Amino acid sequence: MAINPLGLAGLTMTAAIIAFVLSLIIGALFVWFGAKVAGVNKRRRTWGNAILVVILMLVLRILLGHIGGGIGELVGIIGSIAIIKYVYSTAWVKAIIAWIFMLIAIVVVTIVLGVGVIGAALF
């Protein structure tokens, strides 16, 4: 039984929406963890703020995607830290610590998932 083009387009859109929502939730978890480790005020450390930070970082990356090389990356990092600082109304030092721990959490989970996928593929 063949899938018609509209059915395939709908399936693709559904998969894209599910992937976006899951990425948003996982990204918010990493941001929330970074803010918690950095000691951001508990009242400001909410899921709503974490999701807002992830969305703003995504918009920033889309806007800066046209700037090539190291300048774009540097502006993106500074912009991401500034977003954390202003959304959580915290000091620059705490925003930098939150960003670093967010980055560490992303790397650790990526390594763990990568090892798990490779291990599962071997057996």
PDB file of N, CA and C in Angstrom:
ATOM      1  N   MET A   1       0.847  -1.171   0.000  1.00  0.00           N
ATOM      2  CA  MET A   1       0.000   0.000   0.000  1.00  0.00           C
ATOM      3  C   MET A   1       0.892   1.233   0.000  1.00  0.00           C
ATOM      4  N   ALA A   2       0.703   2.110  -0.942  1.00  0.00           N
ATOM      5  CA  ALA A   2       1.532   3.304  -1.089  1.00  0.00           C
ATOM      6  C   ALA A   2       0.978   4.447  -0.239  1.00  0.00           C
ATOM      7  N   ILE A   3       1.888   5.283   0.211  1.00  0.00           N
ATOM      8  CA  ILE A   3       1.495   6.472   0.958  1.00  0.00           C
ATOM      9  C   ILE A   3       1.391   7.625  -0.033  1.00  0.00           C
ATOM     10  N   ASN A   4       0.250   8.319  -0.003  1.00  0.00           N
ATOM     11  CA  ASN A   4       0.108   9.450  -0.925  1.00  0.00           C
ATOM     12  C   ASN A   4       0.968  10.623  -0.443  1.00  0.00           C
ATOM     13  N   PRO A   5       1.283  11.560  -1.323  1.00  0.00           N
ATOM     14  CA  PRO A   5       2.179  12.671  -0.969  1.00  0.00           C
ATOM     15  C   PRO A   5       1.682  13.509   0.203  1.00  0.00           C
ATOM     16  N   LEU A   6       0.373  13.719   0.300  1.00  0.00           N
ATOM     17  CA  LEU A   6      -0.150  14.506   1.414  1.00  0.00           C
ATOM     18  C   LEU A   6       0.020  13.772   2.737  1.00  0.00           C
ATOM     19  N   GLY A   7      -0.152  12.480   2.714  1.00  0.00           N
ATOM     20  CA  GLY A   7       0.054  11.691   3.928  1.00  0.00           C
ATOM     21  C   GLY A   7       1.498  11.743   4.384  1.00  0.00           C
ATOM     22  N   LEU A   8       2.420  11.693   3.445  1.00  0.00           N
ATOM     23  CA  LEU A   8       3.844  11.772   3.765  1.00  0.00           C
ATOM     24  C   LEU A   8       4.203  13.155   4.298  1.00  0.00           C
ATOM     25  N   ALA A   9       3.617  14.195   3.717  1.00  0.00           N
ATOM     26  CA  ALA A   9       3.871  15.559   4.190  1.00  0.00           C
ATOM     27  C   ALA A   9       3.344  15.737   5.610  1.00  0.00           C
ATOM     28  N   GLY A  10       2.172  15.195   5.871  1.00  0.00           N
ATOM     29  CA  GLY A  10       1.605  15.272   7.220  1.00  0.00           C
ATOM     30  C   GLY A  10       2.451  14.527   8.230  1.00  0.00           C
ATOM     31  N   LEU A  11       2.941  13.368   7.837  1.00  0.00           N
ATOM     32  CA  LEU A  11       3.806  12.585   8.714  1.00  0.00           C
ATOM     33  C   LEU A  11       5.105  13.321   9.006  1.00  0.00           C
ATOM     34  N   THR A  12       5.664  13.955   7.979  1.00  0.00           N
ATOM     35  CA  THR A  12       6.898  14.718   8.143  1.00  0.00           C
ATOM     36  C   THR A  12       6.682  15.911   9.069  1.00  0.00           C
ATOM     37  N   MET A  13       5.581  16.627   8.890  1.00  0.00           N
ATOM     38  CA  MET A  13       5.279  17.774   9.755  1.00  0.00           C
ATOM     39  C   MET A  13       5.054  17.336  11.195  1.00  0.00           C
ATOM     40  N   THR A  14       4.366  16.225  11.387  1.00  0.00           N
ATOM     41  CA  THR A  14       4.134  15.710  12.732  1.00  0.00           C
ATOM     42  C   THR A  14       5.454  15.351  13.396  1.00  0.00           C
ATOM     43  N   ALA A  15       6.328  14.692  12.671  1.00  0.00           N
ATOM     44  CA  ALA A  15       7.637  14.327  13.218  1.00  0.00           C
ATOM     45  C   ALA A  15       8.452  15.570  13.554  1.00  0.00           C
ATOM     46  N   ALA A  16       8.377  16.593  12.706  1.00  0.00           N
ATOM     47  CA  ALA A  16       9.117  17.836  12.959  1.00  0.00           C
ATOM     48  C   ALA A  16       8.592  18.542  14.201  1.00  0.00           C
ATOM     49  N   ILE A  17       7.284  18.572  14.382  1.00  0.00           N
ATOM     50  CA  ILE A  17       6.695  19.214  15.561  1.00  0.00           C
ATOM     51  C   ILE A  17       7.073  18.458  16.823  1.00  0.00           C
ATOM     52  N   ILE A  18       7.006  17.133  16.781  1.00  0.00           N
ATOM     53  CA  ILE A  18       7.388  16.328  17.942  1.00  0.00           C
ATOM     54  C   ILE A  18       8.864  16.539  18.272  1.00  0.00           C
ATOM     55  N   ALA A  19       9.725  16.564  17.262  1.00  0.00           N
ATOM     56  CA  ALA A  19      11.158  16.790  17.491  1.00  0.00           C
ATOM     57  C   ALA A  19      11.405  18.169  18.087  1.00  0.00           C
ATOM     58  N   PHE A  20      10.692  19.193  17.609  1.00  0.00           N
ATOM     59  CA  PHE A  20      10.851  20.547  18.143  1.00  0.00           C
ATOM     60  C   PHE A  20      10.428  20.614  19.606  1.00  0.00           C
ATOM     61  N   VAL A  21       9.284  20.028  19.936  1.00  0.00           N
ATOM     62  CA  VAL A  21       8.789  20.065  21.316  1.00  0.00           C
ATOM     63  C   VAL A  21       9.738  19.311  22.247  1.00  0.00           C
ATOM     64  N   LEU A  22      10.208  18.140  21.819  1.00  0.00           N
ATOM     65  CA  LEU A  22      11.155  17.389  22.647  1.00  0.00           C
ATOM     66  C   LEU A  22      12.461  18.153  22.826  1.00  0.00           C
ATOM     67  N   SER A  23      12.953  18.779  21.779  1.00  0.00           N
ATOM     68  CA  SER A  23      14.176  19.579  21.881  1.00  0.00           C
ATOM     69  C   SER A  23      13.979  20.756  22.825  1.00  0.00           C
ATOM     70  N   LEU A  24      12.816  21.361  22.767  1.00  0.00           N
ATOM     71  CA  LEU A  24      12.502  22.482  23.647  1.00  0.00           C
ATOM     72  C   LEU A  24      12.483  22.038  25.106  1.00  0.00           C
ATOM     73  N   ILE A  25      11.863  20.916  25.390  1.00  0.00           N
ATOM     74  CA  ILE A  25      11.785  20.409  26.763  1.00  0.00           C
ATOM     75  C   ILE A  25      13.164  20.013  27.272  1.00  0.00           C
ATOM     76  N   ILE A  26      13.931  19.299  26.463  1.00  0.00           N
ATOM     77  CA  ILE A  26      15.269  18.872  26.885  1.00  0.00           C
ATOM     78  C   ILE A  26      16.184  20.082  27.054  1.00  0.00           C
ATOM     79  N   GLY A  27      16.119  21.038  26.135  1.00  0.00           N
ATOM     80  CA  GLY A  27      16.920  22.256  26.264  1.00  0.00           C
ATOM     81  C   GLY A  27      16.556  23.036  27.514  1.00  0.00           C
ATOM     82  N   ALA A  28      15.255  23.119  27.817  1.00  0.00           N
ATOM     83  CA  ALA A  28      14.811  23.815  29.028  1.00  0.00           C
ATOM     84  C   ALA A  28      15.317  23.105  30.278  1.00  0.00           C
ATOM     85  N   LEU A  29      15.356  21.786  30.239  1.00  0.00           N
ATOM     86  CA  LEU A  29      15.903  21.035  31.379  1.00  0.00           C
ATOM     87  C   LEU A  29      17.366  21.390  31.607  1.00  0.00           C
ATOM     88  N   PHE A  30      18.149  21.481  30.532  1.00  0.00           N
ATOM     89  CA  PHE A  30      19.565  21.838  30.661  1.00  0.00           C
ATOM     90  C   PHE A  30      19.732  23.259  31.187  1.00  0.00           C
ATOM     91  N   VAL A  31      18.929  24.189  30.690  1.00  0.00           N
ATOM     92  CA  VAL A  31      19.007  25.579  31.156  1.00  0.00           C
ATOM     93  C   VAL A  31      18.614  25.654  32.628  1.00  0.00           C
ATOM     94  N   TRP A  32      17.543  24.970  32.997  1.00  0.00           N
ATOM     95  CA  TRP A  32      17.096  24.961  34.390  1.00  0.00           C
ATOM     96  C   TRP A  32      18.174  24.386  35.303  1.00  0.00           C
ATOM     97  N   PHE A  33      18.806  23.290  34.867  1.00  0.00           N
ATOM     98  CA  PHE A  33      19.884  22.681  35.653  1.00  0.00           C
ATOM     99  C   PHE A  33      21.040  23.663  35.822  1.00  0.00           C
ATOM    100  N   GLY A  34      21.438  24.331  34.750  1.00  0.00           N
ATOM    101  CA  GLY A  34      22.520  25.313  34.828  1.00  0.00           C
ATOM    102  C   GLY A  34      22.176  26.449  35.770  1.00  0.00           C
ATOM    103  N   ALA A  35      20.940  26.931  35.719  1.00  0.00           N
ATOM    104  CA  ALA A  35      20.515  28.014  36.610  1.00  0.00           C
ATOM    105  C   ALA A  35      20.495  27.548  38.060  1.00  0.00           C
ATOM    106  N   LYS A  36      20.102  26.308  38.280  1.00  0.00           N
ATOM    107  CA  LYS A  36      20.071  25.773  39.644  1.00  0.00           C
ATOM    108  C   LYS A  36      21.483  25.667  40.204  1.00  0.00           C
ATOM    109  N   VAL A  37      22.408  25.124  39.427  1.00  0.00           N
ATOM    110  CA  VAL A  37      23.791  24.972  39.883  1.00  0.00           C
ATOM    111  C   VAL A  37      24.427  26.341  40.124  1.00  0.00           C
ATOM    112  N   ALA A  38      24.088  27.326  39.297  1.00  0.00           N
ATOM    113  CA  ALA A  38      24.669  28.667  39.427  1.00  0.00           C
ATOM    114  C   ALA A  38      24.119  29.416  40.637  1.00  0.00           C
ATOM    115  N   GLY A  39      23.055  28.912  41.221  1.00  0.00           N
ATOM    116  CA  GLY A  39      22.492  29.562  42.396  1.00  0.00           C
ATOM    117  C   GLY A  39      21.566  30.720  42.069  1.00  0.00           C
ATOM    118  N   VAL A  40      20.899  30.634  40.930  1.00  0.00           N
ATOM    119  CA  VAL A  40      19.933  31.668  40.554  1.00  0.00           C
ATOM    120  C   VAL A  40      18.763  31.607  41.531  1.00  0.00           C
ATOM    121  N   ASN A  41      18.194  32.766  41.829  1.00  0.00           N
ATOM    122  CA  ASN A  41      17.075  32.878  42.755  1.00  0.00           C
ATOM    123  C   ASN A  41      15.993  31.844  42.427  1.00  0.00           C
ATOM    124  N   LYS A  42      15.553  31.118  43.453  1.00  0.00           N
ATOM    125  CA  LYS A  42      14.603  30.020  43.246  1.00  0.00           C
ATOM    126  C   LYS A  42      13.281  30.511  42.642  1.00  0.00           C
ATOM    127  N   ARG A  43      12.872  31.727  42.988  1.00  0.00           N
ATOM    128  CA  ARG A  43      11.628  32.262  42.462  1.00  0.00           C
ATOM    129  C   ARG A  43      11.698  32.523  40.962  1.00  0.00           C
ATOM    130  N   ARG A  44      12.862  32.839  40.472  1.00  0.00           N
ATOM    131  CA  ARG A  44      13.043  33.122  39.045  1.00  0.00           C
ATOM    132  C   ARG A  44      13.372  31.860  38.250  1.00  0.00           C
ATOM    133  N   ARG A  45      13.761  30.804  38.942  1.00  0.00           N
ATOM    134  CA  ARG A  45      14.200  29.565  38.289  1.00  0.00           C
ATOM    135  C   ARG A  45      12.984  28.677  38.007  1.00  0.00           C
ATOM    136  N   THR A  46      12.207  29.060  37.003  1.00  0.00           N
ATOM    137  CA  THR A  46      10.988  28.323  36.675  1.00  0.00           C
ATOM    138  C   THR A  46      11.126  27.669  35.299  1.00  0.00           C
ATOM    139  N   TRP A  47      10.209  26.727  35.023  1.00  0.00           N
ATOM    140  CA  TRP A  47      10.205  26.069  33.714  1.00  0.00           C
ATOM    141  C   TRP A  47       9.850  27.059  32.622  1.00  0.00           C
ATOM    142  N   GLY A  48       8.961  27.987  32.933  1.00  0.00           N
ATOM    143  CA  GLY A  48       8.584  28.992  31.943  1.00  0.00           C
ATOM    144  C   GLY A  48       9.772  29.839  31.514  1.00  0.00           C
ATOM    145  N   ASN A  49      10.586  30.263  32.483  1.00  0.00           N
ATOM    146  CA  ASN A  49      11.779  31.040  32.149  1.00  0.00           C
ATOM    147  C   ASN A  49      12.781  30.195  31.373  1.00  0.00           C
ATOM    148  N   ALA A  50      12.912  28.922  31.740  1.00  0.00           N
ATOM    149  CA  ALA A  50      13.848  28.042  31.027  1.00  0.00           C
ATOM    150  C   ALA A  50      13.418  27.866  29.568  1.00  0.00           C
ATOM    151  N   ILE A  51      12.124  27.683  29.342  1.00  0.00           N
ATOM    152  CA  ILE A  51      11.623  27.539  27.973  1.00  0.00           C
ATOM    153  C   ILE A  51      11.801  28.847  27.203  1.00  0.00           C
ATOM    154  N   LEU A  52      11.560  29.984  27.873  1.00  0.00           N
ATOM    155  CA  LEU A  52      11.765  31.284  27.235  1.00  0.00           C
ATOM    156  C   LEU A  52      13.223  31.468  26.821  1.00  0.00           C
ATOM    157  N   VAL A  53      14.154  31.067  27.696  1.00  0.00           N
ATOM    158  CA  VAL A  53      15.583  31.170  27.374  1.00  0.00           C
ATOM    159  C   VAL A  53      15.914  30.330  26.146  1.00  0.00           C
ATOM    160  N   VAL A  54      15.398  29.106  26.089  1.00  0.00           N
ATOM    161  CA  VAL A  54      15.685  28.223  24.952  1.00  0.00           C
ATOM    162  C   VAL A  54      15.133  28.826  23.655  1.00  0.00           C
ATOM    163  N   ILE A  55      13.925  29.360  23.691  1.00  0.00           N
ATOM    164  CA  ILE A  55      13.337  29.957  22.488  1.00  0.00           C
ATOM    165  C   ILE A  55      14.133  31.180  22.048  1.00  0.00           C
ATOM    166  N   LEU A  56      14.518  32.037  22.999  1.00  0.00           N
ATOM    167  CA  LEU A  56      15.300  33.225  22.654  1.00  0.00           C
ATOM    168  C   LEU A  56      16.677  32.854  22.115  1.00  0.00           C
ATOM    169  N   MET A  57      17.293  31.805  22.688  1.00  0.00           N
ATOM    170  CA  MET A  57      18.588  31.352  22.168  1.00  0.00           C
ATOM    171  C   MET A  57      18.440  30.816  20.744  1.00  0.00           C
ATOM    172  N   LEU A  58      17.343  30.129  20.472  1.00  0.00           N
ATOM    173  CA  LEU A  58      17.082  29.619  19.124  1.00  0.00           C
ATOM    174  C   LEU A  58      16.936  30.772  18.128  1.00  0.00           C
ATOM    175  N   VAL A  59      16.174  31.785  18.505  1.00  0.00           N
ATOM    176  CA  VAL A  59      16.005  32.955  17.638  1.00  0.00           C
ATOM    177  C   VAL A  59      17.348  33.640  17.409  1.00  0.00           C
ATOM    178  N   LEU A  60      18.145  33.771  18.473  1.00  0.00           N
ATOM    179  CA  LEU A  60      19.469  34.389  18.346  1.00  0.00           C
ATOM    180  C   LEU A  60      20.346  33.603  17.379  1.00  0.00           C
ATOM    181  N   ARG A  61      20.338  32.280  17.489  1.00  0.00           N
ATOM    182  CA  ARG A  61      21.146  31.444  16.598  1.00  0.00           C
ATOM    183  C   ARG A  61      20.687  31.559  15.151  1.00  0.00           C
ATOM    184  N   ILE A  62      19.390  31.666  14.940  1.00  0.00           N
ATOM    185  CA  ILE A  62      18.879  31.834  13.576  1.00  0.00           C
ATOM    186  C   ILE A  62      19.333  33.173  13.004  1.00  0.00           C
ATOM    187  N   LEU A  63      19.248  34.228  13.814  1.00  0.00           N
ATOM    188  CA  LEU A  63      19.659  35.553  13.351  1.00  0.00           C
ATOM    189  C   LEU A  63      21.162  35.637  13.119  1.00  0.00           C
ATOM    190  N   LEU A  64      21.946  34.948  13.955  1.00  0.00           N
ATOM    191  CA  LEU A  64      23.401  35.003  13.828  1.00  0.00           C
ATOM    192  C   LEU A  64      23.957  33.946  12.887  1.00  0.00           C
ATOM    193  N   GLY A  65      23.098  33.125  12.331  1.00  0.00           N
ATOM    194  CA  GLY A  65      23.553  32.066  11.444  1.00  0.00           C
ATOM    195  C   GLY A  65      24.233  32.571  10.191  1.00  0.00           C
ATOM    196  N   HIS A  66      23.998  33.814   9.855  1.00  0.00           N
ATOM    197  CA  HIS A  66      24.582  34.377   8.641  1.00  0.00           C
ATOM    198  C   HIS A  66      25.950  34.997   8.882  1.00  0.00           C
ATOM    199  N   ILE A  67      26.324  35.142  10.147  1.00  0.00           N
ATOM    200  CA  ILE A  67      27.649  35.680  10.462  1.00  0.00           C
ATOM    201  C   ILE A  67      28.602  34.498  10.539  1.00  0.00           C
ATOM    202  N   GLY A  68      29.581  34.473   9.696  1.00  0.00           N
ATOM    203  CA  GLY A  68      30.480  33.330   9.629  1.00  0.00           C
ATOM    204  C   GLY A  68      31.665  33.452  10.564  1.00  0.00           C
ATOM    205  N   GLY A  69      32.324  32.328  10.748  1.00  0.00           N
ATOM    206  CA  GLY A  69      33.574  32.300  11.495  1.00  0.00           C
ATOM    207  C   GLY A  69      33.412  32.450  12.991  1.00  0.00           C
ATOM    208  N   GLY A  70      34.515  32.806  13.614  1.00  0.00           N
ATOM    209  CA  GLY A  70      34.568  32.911  15.066  1.00  0.00           C
ATOM    210  C   GLY A  70      33.779  34.081  15.622  1.00  0.00           C
ATOM    211  N   ILE A  71      33.617  35.132  14.830  1.00  0.00           N
ATOM    212  CA  ILE A  71      32.868  36.306  15.299  1.00  0.00           C
ATOM    213  C   ILE A  71      31.418  35.923  15.593  1.00  0.00           C
ATOM    214  N   GLY A  72      30.811  35.170  14.706  1.00  0.00           N
ATOM    215  CA  GLY A  72      29.433  34.737  14.911  1.00  0.00           C
ATOM    216  C   GLY A  72      29.291  33.874  16.153  1.00  0.00           C
ATOM    217  N   GLU A  73      30.246  32.963  16.355  1.00  0.00           N
ATOM    218  CA  GLU A  73      30.210  32.106  17.542  1.00  0.00           C
ATOM    219  C   GLU A  73      30.374  32.919  18.822  1.00  0.00           C
ATOM    220  N   LEU A  74      31.318  33.856  18.809  1.00  0.00           N
ATOM    221  CA  LEU A  74      31.571  34.690  19.984  1.00  0.00           C
ATOM    222  C   LEU A  74      30.352  35.546  20.321  1.00  0.00           C
ATOM    223  N   VAL A  75      29.759  36.149  19.313  1.00  0.00           N
ATOM    224  CA  VAL A  75      28.553  36.954  19.535  1.00  0.00           C
ATOM    225  C   VAL A  75      27.414  36.063  20.030  1.00  0.00           C
ATOM    226  N   GLY A  76      27.320  34.843  19.504  1.00  0.00           N
ATOM    227  CA  GLY A  76      26.294  33.901  19.951  1.00  0.00           C
ATOM    228  C   GLY A  76      26.458  33.502  21.402  1.00  0.00           C
ATOM    229  N   ILE A  77      27.699  33.257  21.825  1.00  0.00           N
ATOM    230  CA  ILE A  77      27.962  32.887  23.219  1.00  0.00           C
ATOM    231  C   ILE A  77      27.627  34.051  24.143  1.00  0.00           C
ATOM    232  N   ILE A  78      28.112  35.237  23.800  1.00  0.00           N
ATOM    233  CA  ILE A  78      27.830  36.412  24.631  1.00  0.00           C
ATOM    234  C   ILE A  78      26.325  36.691  24.663  1.00  0.00           C
ATOM    235  N   GLY A  79      25.664  36.541  23.519  1.00  0.00           N
ATOM    236  CA  GLY A  79      24.216  36.737  23.465  1.00  0.00           C
ATOM    237  C   GLY A  79      23.466  35.720  24.305  1.00  0.00           C
ATOM    238  N   SER A  80      23.901  34.461  24.279  1.00  0.00           N
ATOM    239  CA  SER A  80      23.256  33.420  25.085  1.00  0.00           C
ATOM    240  C   SER A  80      23.400  33.711  26.571  1.00  0.00           C
ATOM    241  N   ILE A  81      24.591  34.133  26.967  1.00  0.00           N
ATOM    242  CA  ILE A  81      24.819  34.470  28.374  1.00  0.00           C
ATOM    243  C   ILE A  81      23.975  35.684  28.762  1.00  0.00           C
ATOM    244  N   ALA A  82      23.877  36.665  27.869  1.00  0.00           N
ATOM    245  CA  ALA A  82      23.058  37.854  28.141  1.00  0.00           C
ATOM    246  C   ALA A  82      21.580  37.484  28.275  1.00  0.00           C
ATOM    247  N   ILE A  83      21.115  36.554  27.446  1.00  0.00           N
ATOM    248  CA  ILE A  83      19.722  36.104  27.545  1.00  0.00           C
ATOM    249  C   ILE A  83      19.474  35.481  28.913  1.00  0.00           C
ATOM    250  N   ILE A  84      20.379  34.606  29.354  1.00  0.00           N
ATOM    251  CA  ILE A  84      20.239  33.989  30.677  1.00  0.00           C
ATOM    252  C   ILE A  84      20.233  35.069  31.751  1.00  0.00           C
ATOM    253  N   LYS A  85      21.143  36.032  31.648  1.00  0.00           N
ATOM    254  CA  LYS A  85      21.248  37.100  32.644  1.00  0.00           C
ATOM    255  C   LYS A  85      19.947  37.889  32.754  1.00  0.00           C
ATOM    256  N   TYR A  86      19.397  38.295  31.623  1.00  0.00           N
ATOM    257  CA  TYR A  86      18.223  39.164  31.658  1.00  0.00           C
ATOM    258  C   TYR A  86      16.925  38.412  31.948  1.00  0.00           C
ATOM    259  N   VAL A  87      16.778  37.199  31.475  1.00  0.00           N
ATOM    260  CA  VAL A  87      15.554  36.446  31.766  1.00  0.00           C
ATOM    261  C   VAL A  87      15.500  36.072  33.241  1.00  0.00           C
ATOM    262  N   TYR A  88      16.632  35.667  33.811  1.00  0.00           N
ATOM    263  CA  TYR A  88      16.665  35.269  35.214  1.00  0.00           C
ATOM    264  C   TYR A  88      16.975  36.431  36.154  1.00  0.00           C
ATOM    265  N   SER A  89      17.199  37.623  35.627  1.00  0.00           N
ATOM    266  CA  SER A  89      17.541  38.814  36.426  1.00  0.00           C
ATOM    267  C   SER A  89      18.641  38.495  37.430  1.00  0.00           C
ATOM    268  N   THR A  90      19.758  38.037  36.932  1.00  0.00           N
ATOM    269  CA  THR A  90      20.868  37.630  37.783  1.00  0.00           C
ATOM    270  C   THR A  90      22.140  38.358  37.358  1.00  0.00           C
ATOM    271  N   ALA A  91      23.217  38.117  38.090  1.00  0.00           N
ATOM    272  CA  ALA A  91      24.499  38.757  37.791  1.00  0.00           C
ATOM    273  C   ALA A  91      25.163  38.060  36.603  1.00  0.00           C
ATOM    274  N   TRP A  92      26.118  38.756  35.990  1.00  0.00           N
ATOM    275  CA  TRP A  92      26.841  38.189  34.851  1.00  0.00           C
ATOM    276  C   TRP A  92      27.567  36.913  35.239  1.00  0.00           C
ATOM    277  N   VAL A  93      28.155  36.899  36.438  1.00  0.00           N
ATOM    278  CA  VAL A  93      28.917  35.719  36.870  1.00  0.00           C
ATOM    279  C   VAL A  93      28.001  34.504  36.971  1.00  0.00           C
ATOM    280  N   LYS A  94      26.825  34.676  37.573  1.00  0.00           N
ATOM    281  CA  LYS A  94      25.882  33.554  37.686  1.00  0.00           C
ATOM    282  C   LYS A  94      25.368  33.126  36.310  1.00  0.00           C
ATOM    283  N   ALA A  95      25.179  34.080  35.418  1.00  0.00           N
ATOM    284  CA  ALA A  95      24.730  33.742  34.062  1.00  0.00           C
ATOM    285  C   ALA A  95      25.798  32.938  33.330  1.00  0.00           C
ATOM    286  N   ILE A  96      27.065  33.315  33.505  1.00  0.00           N
ATOM    287  CA  ILE A  96      28.164  32.569  32.874  1.00  0.00           C
ATOM    288  C   ILE A  96      28.250  31.168  33.450  1.00  0.00           C
ATOM    289  N   ILE A  97      28.123  31.050  34.783  1.00  0.00           N
ATOM    290  CA  ILE A  97      28.159  29.729  35.424  1.00  0.00           C
ATOM    291  C   ILE A  97      26.992  28.875  34.933  1.00  0.00           C
ATOM    292  N   ALA A  98      25.803  29.461  34.844  1.00  0.00           N
ATOM    293  CA  ALA A  98      24.634  28.717  34.354  1.00  0.00           C
ATOM    294  C   ALA A  98      24.861  28.242  32.924  1.00  0.00           C
ATOM    295  N   TRP A  99      25.438  29.104  32.076  1.00  0.00           N
ATOM    296  CA  TRP A  99      25.706  28.733  30.685  1.00  0.00           C
ATOM    297  C   TRP A  99      26.731  27.602  30.608  1.00  0.00           C
ATOM    298  N   ILE A 100      27.781  27.679  31.428  1.00  0.00           N
ATOM    299  CA  ILE A 100      28.819  26.635  31.427  1.00  0.00           C
ATOM    300  C   ILE A 100      28.231  25.301  31.870  1.00  0.00           C
ATOM    301  N   PHE A 101      27.437  25.298  32.949  1.00  0.00           N
ATOM    302  CA  PHE A 101      26.858  24.038  33.406  1.00  0.00           C
ATOM    303  C   PHE A 101      25.810  23.509  32.436  1.00  0.00           C
ATOM    304  N   MET A 102      25.108  24.399  31.748  1.00  0.00           N
ATOM    305  CA  MET A 102      24.188  23.967  30.701  1.00  0.00           C
ATOM    306  C   MET A 102      24.962  23.255  29.596  1.00  0.00           C
ATOM    307  N   LEU A 103      26.093  23.827  29.214  1.00  0.00           N
ATOM    308  CA  LEU A 103      26.940  23.236  28.180  1.00  0.00           C
ATOM    309  C   LEU A 103      27.489  21.880  28.628  1.00  0.00           C
ATOM    310  N   ILE A 104      27.938  21.790  29.878  1.00  0.00           N
ATOM    311  CA  ILE A 104      28.452  20.523  30.412  1.00  0.00           C
ATOM    312  C   ILE A 104      27.359  19.460  30.400  1.00  0.00           C
ATOM    313  N   ALA A 105      26.144  19.825  30.816  1.00  0.00           N
ATOM    314  CA  ALA A 105      25.036  18.864  30.826  1.00  0.00           C
ATOM    315  C   ALA A 105      24.734  18.366  29.421  1.00  0.00           C
ATOM    316  N   ILE A 106      24.769  19.257  28.443  1.00  0.00           N
ATOM    317  CA  ILE A 106      24.518  18.857  27.055  1.00  0.00           C
ATOM    318  C   ILE A 106      25.585  17.881  26.581  1.00  0.00           C
ATOM    319  N   VAL A 107      26.849  18.164  26.879  1.00  0.00           N
ATOM    320  CA  VAL A 107      27.953  17.290  26.453  1.00  0.00           C
ATOM    321  C   VAL A 107      27.841  15.922  27.114  1.00  0.00           C
ATOM    322  N   VAL A 108      27.563  15.895  28.423  1.00  0.00           N
ATOM    323  CA  VAL A 108      27.466  14.618  29.144  1.00  0.00           C
ATOM    324  C   VAL A 108      26.325  13.769  28.591  1.00  0.00           C
ATOM    325  N   VAL A 109      25.166  14.361  28.409  1.00  0.00           N
ATOM    326  CA  VAL A 109      24.026  13.597  27.893  1.00  0.00           C
ATOM    327  C   VAL A 109      24.297  13.118  26.473  1.00  0.00           C
ATOM    328  N   THR A 110      24.937  13.949  25.662  1.00  0.00           N
ATOM    329  CA  THR A 110      25.277  13.542  24.296  1.00  0.00           C
ATOM    330  C   THR A 110      26.226  12.355  24.300  1.00  0.00           C
ATOM    331  N   ILE A 111      27.225  12.386  25.175  1.00  0.00           N
ATOM    332  CA  ILE A 111      28.173  11.268  25.266  1.00  0.00           C
ATOM    333  C   ILE A 111      27.468  10.009  25.747  1.00  0.00           C
ATOM    334  N   VAL A 112      26.646  10.138  26.788  1.00  0.00           N
ATOM    335  CA  VAL A 112      25.942   8.966  27.324  1.00  0.00           C
ATOM    336  C   VAL A 112      25.013   8.376  26.269  1.00  0.00           C
ATOM    337  N   LEU A 113      24.254   9.217  25.590  1.00  0.00           N
ATOM    338  CA  LEU A 113      23.359   8.707  24.550  1.00  0.00           C
ATOM    339  C   LEU A 113      24.139   8.116  23.387  1.00  0.00           C
ATOM    340  N   GLY A 114      25.249   8.743  23.031  1.00  0.00           N
ATOM    341  CA  GLY A 114      26.079   8.218  21.945  1.00  0.00           C
ATOM    342  C   GLY A 114      26.649   6.859  22.276  1.00  0.00           C
ATOM    343  N   VAL A 115      27.145   6.696  23.505  1.00  0.00           N
ATOM    344  CA  VAL A 115      27.680   5.402  23.930  1.00  0.00           C
ATOM    345  C   VAL A 115      26.565   4.370  23.980  1.00  0.00           C
ATOM    346  N   GLY A 116      25.385   4.773  24.451  1.00  0.00           N
ATOM    347  CA  GLY A 116      24.256   3.846  24.504  1.00  0.00           C
ATOM    348  C   GLY A 116      23.816   3.393  23.129  1.00  0.00           C
ATOM    349  N   VAL A 117      23.771   4.312  22.187  1.00  0.00           N
ATOM    350  CA  VAL A 117      23.353   3.969  20.823  1.00  0.00           C
ATOM    351  C   VAL A 117      24.390   3.076  20.162  1.00  0.00           C
ATOM    352  N   ILE A 118      25.669   3.413  20.333  1.00  0.00           N
ATOM    353  CA  ILE A 118      26.733   2.588  19.745  1.00  0.00           C
ATOM    354  C   ILE A 118      26.739   1.204  20.382  1.00  0.00           C
ATOM    355  N   GLY A 119      26.567   1.159  21.705  1.00  0.00           N
ATOM    356  CA  GLY A 119      26.524  -0.136  22.395  1.00  0.00           C
ATOM    357  C   GLY A 119      25.348  -0.978  21.944  1.00  0.00           C
ATOM    358  N   ALA A 120      24.194  -0.340  21.767  1.00  0.00           N
ATOM    359  CA  ALA A 120      23.014  -1.074  21.313  1.00  0.00           C
ATOM    360  C   ALA A 120      23.195  -1.565  19.883  1.00  0.00           C
ATOM    361  N   ALA A 121      23.904  -0.797  19.076  1.00  0.00           N
ATOM    362  CA  ALA A 121      24.116  -1.193  17.684  1.00  0.00           C
ATOM    363  C   ALA A 121      25.064  -2.384  17.581  1.00  0.00           C
ATOM    364  N   LEU A 122      25.970  -2.514  18.548  1.00  0.00           N
ATOM    365  CA  LEU A 122      26.929  -3.615  18.508  1.00  0.00           C
ATOM    366  C   LEU A 122      26.303  -4.950  18.877  1.00  0.00           C
ATOM    367  N   PHE A 123      25.216  -4.910  19.644  1.00  0.00           N
ATOM    368  CA  PHE A 123      24.622  -6.176  20.081  1.00  0.00           C
ATOM    369  C   PHE A 123      23.390  -6.469  19.341  1.00  0.00           C
TER     370      PHE A 123
END
